[in-house]
Amino acid sequence: MITEEDSIICPDCGHEQQITICPSVNVTTDPELREKVLSGEIFLFTCDECGCTGFAGHPFVYEDKETAGGFLIYLEPDCPDRVVGIDGDIADQVIYREKPMRLVADLNALKEKIFIFEADLDDRVMELFKMLTLTKLSSDNPDQVPDHLLFTKIQENEEGRQIVLAAFKENKYLGVLELPYSLYQTCVVTGGPIWDVPTVDCMAVDQEWIAERLKCCEEEEIEEEEKEEGCGESGHAEQ
């Protein structure tokens, strides 16, 4: 495990101190670190002055070279950017092997990406799946609709394969939704043109990303229709 020294200010008493942080993990070589990432333990620190335990938010790289072909997730807390560059050999290996690289801004988003890739799912499809789920919930019961969904796992029950999503409203946990895996498969097919766009950079793939992709696809369809109409009018004029 790679470690570095960094300074941090206690959120309770304001005391500034030096702490040891872990800027990156490779769970292929250090599998025991996976649980420490998912539990948040790897980001915790204890204040030397007041004893408060806090969360040390810092840029962090999570890499798995084997699971589902391998993936890399870069956590940069409150990052305003949508695409970032990552220096070093790890990034080179990921690019050359065409593994997905994703940018996230908080721990929950990091955990969700880990769960998605470990389940051998496509996070782009999952964002469309979540968007359509929220749209359906809004039409069925607008007063109770969550404002945020996170993938947690795939499970098997008497109804078959299910996708389990955690639901949140204003950062408050509401419970889970269990939805047929077949709906995810439908998204794979219906979202066809969206998946043709390469995601070769370390980029944010979230609800904002899927909304932008849907908008672009809609604009491209309109442009194509206008071209076809223009060709038709041109053909009539020649006659």
Protein backbone atom coordinates (compact mmCIF):
# COMPACT_ATOMS: atom_id res chain seq x y z
CA MET A 1 0.00 0.00 0.00
CA ILE A 2 1.34 3.42 -1.00
CA THR A 3 1.22 6.12 1.69
CA GLU A 4 1.94 9.84 1.82
CA GLU A 5 2.00 12.58 4.45
CA ASP A 6 -0.63 15.31 4.31
CA SER A 7 -1.94 18.06 6.57
CA ILE A 8 -5.55 18.20 7.71
CA ILE A 9 -7.69 20.43 9.92
CA CYS A 10 -10.02 18.83 12.46
CA PRO A 11 -13.64 19.75 11.66
CA ASP A 12 -14.48 19.87 15.39
CA CYS A 13 -11.69 21.84 17.07
CA GLY A 14 -9.78 23.32 14.13
CA HIS A 15 -6.50 21.67 15.10
CA GLU A 16 -4.12 21.20 12.16
CA GLN A 17 -1.92 18.11 12.05
CA GLN A 18 0.01 15.82 9.74
CA ILE A 19 -1.58 12.48 8.89
CA THR A 20 -0.64 9.50 6.77
CA ILE A 21 -2.97 9.04 3.81
CA CYS A 22 -3.30 6.35 1.16
CA PRO A 23 -3.51 8.01 -2.28
CA SER A 24 -4.14 4.79 -4.22
CA VAL A 25 -4.86 1.09 -3.84
CA ASN A 26 -4.58 -1.85 -6.19
CA VAL A 27 -6.93 -4.52 -4.87
CA THR A 28 -5.45 -7.07 -7.24
CA THR A 29 -2.22 -7.03 -5.25
CA ASP A 30 -3.77 -5.93 -1.92
CA PRO A 31 -7.28 -7.49 -1.82
CA GLU A 32 -7.69 -6.81 1.91
CA LEU A 33 -7.87 -3.07 1.15
CA ARG A 34 -11.18 -3.44 -0.69
CA GLU A 35 -13.21 -3.66 2.53
CA LYS A 36 -11.30 -0.75 4.05
CA VAL A 37 -12.29 1.36 1.05
CA LEU A 38 -15.95 0.27 1.11
CA SER A 39 -16.25 0.86 4.87
CA GLY A 40 -14.49 4.22 4.57
CA GLU A 41 -11.87 3.13 7.12
CA ILE A 42 -9.02 3.98 4.78
CA PHE A 43 -10.10 7.66 4.79
CA LEU A 44 -10.53 8.09 8.56
CA PHE A 45 -8.22 10.01 10.89
CA THR A 46 -8.21 10.83 14.61
CA CYS A 47 -7.50 14.35 15.86
CA ASP A 48 -4.47 14.53 18.15
CA GLU A 49 -6.03 17.42 20.05
CA CYS A 50 -9.67 16.48 20.74
CA GLY A 51 -9.82 12.81 19.74
CA CYS A 52 -12.50 13.41 17.10
CA THR A 53 -12.62 10.86 14.28
CA GLY A 54 -13.09 12.49 10.89
CA PHE A 55 -13.10 11.80 7.17
CA ALA A 56 -9.97 12.83 5.31
CA GLY A 57 -11.19 13.66 1.84
CA HIS A 58 -8.32 13.59 -0.64
CA PRO A 59 -7.69 12.49 -4.24
CA PHE A 60 -7.67 8.71 -4.38
CA VAL A 61 -7.22 6.05 -7.07
CA TYR A 62 -8.90 2.65 -6.81
CA GLU A 63 -7.68 0.04 -9.28
CA ASP A 64 -8.76 -3.53 -9.92
CA LYS A 65 -6.81 -5.13 -12.76
CA GLU A 66 -8.71 -8.42 -12.91
CA THR A 67 -12.40 -8.21 -11.96
CA ALA A 68 -14.64 -7.97 -15.04
CA GLY A 69 -11.62 -7.16 -17.20
CA GLY A 70 -10.31 -4.49 -14.86
CA PHE A 71 -11.25 -0.90 -14.04
CA LEU A 72 -9.96 2.27 -12.40
CA ILE A 73 -11.90 4.84 -10.37
CA TYR A 74 -10.49 8.23 -9.43
CA LEU A 75 -12.05 9.95 -6.42
CA GLU A 76 -11.54 13.70 -6.23
CA PRO A 77 -13.83 15.22 -3.58
CA ASP A 78 -16.06 18.01 -4.88
CA CYS A 79 -14.27 18.02 -8.23
CA PRO A 80 -15.86 20.59 -10.59
CA ASP A 81 -14.42 18.94 -13.70
CA ARG A 82 -16.06 16.26 -15.83
CA VAL A 83 -12.84 14.88 -17.34
CA VAL A 84 -9.41 14.70 -15.71
CA GLY A 85 -5.99 13.35 -16.54
CA ILE A 86 -4.19 10.87 -14.32
CA ASP A 87 -0.42 10.77 -14.44
CA GLY A 88 1.76 7.72 -13.99
CA ASP A 89 2.13 4.12 -15.08
CA ILE A 90 -1.28 3.03 -13.76
CA ALA A 91 -3.12 5.37 -16.12
CA ASP A 92 -0.96 4.23 -19.04
CA GLN A 93 -1.79 0.57 -18.39
CA VAL A 94 -5.50 1.32 -18.14
CA ILE A 95 -5.60 3.30 -21.38
CA TYR A 96 -3.62 0.73 -23.32
CA ARG A 97 -5.85 -2.11 -22.17
CA GLU A 98 -9.04 -0.12 -22.82
CA LYS A 99 -10.29 -0.50 -19.28
CA PRO A 100 -12.93 1.95 -18.04
CA MET A 101 -11.67 4.91 -16.03
CA ARG A 102 -14.19 6.89 -14.04
CA LEU A 103 -14.13 10.14 -12.09
CA VAL A 104 -16.27 10.41 -8.93
CA ALA A 105 -16.67 13.19 -6.37
CA ASP A 106 -17.64 11.34 -3.18
CA LEU A 107 -17.31 8.02 -1.37
CA ASN A 108 -20.83 6.78 -2.15
CA ALA A 109 -20.23 7.29 -5.87
CA LEU A 110 -16.90 5.45 -5.57
CA LYS A 111 -18.58 2.50 -3.86
CA GLU A 112 -21.35 2.38 -6.46
CA LYS A 113 -18.85 2.22 -9.32
CA ILE A 114 -17.02 -0.62 -7.58
CA PHE A 115 -20.28 -2.56 -7.16
CA ILE A 116 -21.30 -1.94 -10.78
CA PHE A 117 -18.03 -3.08 -12.30
CA GLU A 118 -17.70 -6.05 -9.94
CA ALA A 119 -21.17 -7.16 -11.09
CA ASP A 120 -19.84 -6.98 -14.68
CA LEU A 121 -22.34 -4.27 -15.61
CA ASP A 122 -21.92 -1.16 -17.76
CA ASP A 123 -22.16 1.99 -15.63
CA ARG A 124 -23.38 4.00 -18.65
CA VAL A 125 -26.33 1.64 -19.04
CA MET A 126 -26.93 1.78 -15.29
CA GLU A 127 -27.27 5.57 -15.44
CA LEU A 128 -29.95 5.25 -18.13
CA PHE A 129 -31.63 2.51 -16.08
CA LYS A 130 -31.72 4.77 -13.00
CA MET A 131 -32.98 7.75 -14.99
CA LEU A 132 -35.86 5.76 -16.47
CA THR A 133 -36.66 4.33 -13.03
CA LEU A 134 -36.85 7.82 -11.51
CA THR A 135 -39.06 8.98 -14.38
CA LYS A 136 -41.46 6.07 -13.82
CA LEU A 137 -41.54 6.69 -10.06
CA SER A 138 -42.27 10.38 -10.66
CA SER A 139 -45.32 9.57 -12.75
CA ASP A 140 -46.61 6.93 -10.32
CA ASN A 141 -46.13 8.76 -7.01
CA PRO A 142 -44.54 12.21 -7.38
CA ASP A 143 -44.68 12.98 -3.64
CA GLN A 144 -42.64 9.93 -2.67
CA VAL A 145 -40.11 9.80 -5.49
CA PRO A 146 -36.44 9.71 -4.45
CA ASP A 147 -34.03 12.20 -5.97
CA HIS A 148 -31.06 9.85 -6.07
CA LEU A 149 -30.53 6.14 -6.72
CA LEU A 150 -27.39 4.05 -6.18
CA PHE A 151 -26.76 0.54 -7.46
CA THR A 152 -25.88 -1.89 -4.65
CA LYS A 153 -26.04 -5.44 -6.02
CA ILE A 154 -27.68 -8.09 -8.19
CA GLN A 155 -29.62 -10.76 -6.35
CA GLU A 156 -31.59 -13.88 -7.20
CA ASN A 157 -35.03 -14.52 -5.68
CA GLU A 158 -38.26 -16.31 -6.56
CA GLU A 159 -38.98 -13.65 -9.17
CA GLY A 160 -35.65 -14.19 -10.91
CA ARG A 161 -32.63 -11.95 -11.24
CA GLN A 162 -33.12 -8.55 -9.63
CA ILE A 163 -31.18 -5.29 -9.60
CA VAL A 164 -31.17 -3.68 -6.16
CA LEU A 165 -30.99 0.11 -5.91
CA ALA A 166 -30.68 2.20 -2.75
CA ALA A 167 -33.04 5.20 -2.78
CA PHE A 168 -32.30 8.61 -1.25
CA LYS A 169 -34.18 11.89 -0.94
CA GLU A 170 -32.33 15.01 0.20
CA ASN A 171 -29.48 12.72 1.35
CA LYS A 172 -31.86 10.72 3.55
CA TYR A 173 -31.93 6.95 2.98
CA LEU A 174 -35.42 5.76 2.03
CA GLY A 175 -34.88 2.04 1.44
CA VAL A 176 -34.24 -0.21 -1.54
CA LEU A 177 -35.88 -0.85 -4.89
CA GLU A 178 -35.79 -4.31 -6.46
CA LEU A 179 -36.25 -4.25 -10.22
CA PRO A 180 -36.09 -6.99 -12.88
CA TYR A 181 -32.70 -7.44 -14.51
CA SER A 182 -34.56 -7.68 -17.82
CA LEU A 183 -35.20 -3.92 -17.62
CA TYR A 184 -31.45 -3.32 -17.57
CA GLN A 185 -31.10 -5.54 -20.64
CA THR A 186 -33.78 -3.46 -22.36
CA CYS A 187 -31.73 -0.33 -21.67
CA VAL A 188 -28.72 -1.97 -23.32
CA VAL A 189 -30.74 -2.35 -26.53
CA THR A 190 -32.78 0.86 -26.55
CA GLY A 191 -29.81 3.07 -25.69
CA GLY A 192 -27.79 1.72 -28.63
CA PRO A 193 -26.49 5.00 -30.16
CA ILE A 194 -25.38 6.25 -26.74
CA TRP A 195 -22.95 3.39 -26.22
CA ASP A 196 -21.24 4.11 -29.55
CA VAL A 197 -19.58 7.19 -28.03
CA PRO A 198 -16.13 6.20 -26.68
CA THR A 199 -15.25 6.95 -23.05
CA VAL A 200 -11.48 6.71 -23.22
CA ASP A 201 -10.66 9.45 -20.70
CA CYS A 202 -11.05 9.43 -16.94
CA MET A 203 -14.49 10.98 -16.91
CA ALA A 204 -17.62 11.37 -14.82
CA VAL A 205 -20.40 9.01 -15.90
CA ASP A 206 -23.48 9.93 -13.88
CA GLN A 207 -27.00 11.35 -14.30
CA GLU A 208 -25.59 14.54 -15.80
CA TRP A 209 -23.62 12.48 -18.33
CA ILE A 210 -26.59 10.38 -19.46
CA ALA A 211 -28.83 13.46 -19.70
CA GLU A 212 -26.26 15.15 -21.94
CA ARG A 213 -25.91 12.04 -24.11
CA LEU A 214 -29.69 11.76 -24.54
CA LYS A 215 -29.83 15.43 -25.50
CA CYS A 216 -27.06 14.97 -28.07
CA CYS A 217 -28.79 11.92 -29.56
CA GLU A 218 -32.05 13.84 -29.83
CA GLU A 219 -30.31 16.74 -31.58
CA GLU A 220 -28.58 14.34 -33.97
CA GLU A 221 -31.93 12.73 -34.83
CA ILE A 222 -33.47 16.13 -35.54
CA GLU A 223 -30.54 17.09 -37.77
CA GLU A 224 -30.85 13.80 -39.65
CA GLU A 225 -34.58 14.33 -40.18
CA GLU A 226 -33.97 17.85 -41.46
CA LYS A 227 -31.37 16.55 -43.91
CA GLU A 228 -33.78 13.91 -45.19
CA GLU A 229 -36.52 16.50 -45.60
CA GLY A 230 -34.09 18.75 -47.44
CA CYS A 231 -33.12 15.94 -49.80
CA GLY A 232 -36.78 15.19 -50.48
CA GLU A 233 -37.55 18.81 -51.32
CA SER A 234 -34.47 18.96 -53.57
CA GLY A 235 -35.62 15.86 -55.44
CA HIS A 236 -39.07 17.34 -56.07
CA ALA A 237 -37.52 20.55 -57.37
CA GLU A 238 -35.42 18.66 -59.92
CA GLN A 239 -38.51 16.95 -61.30
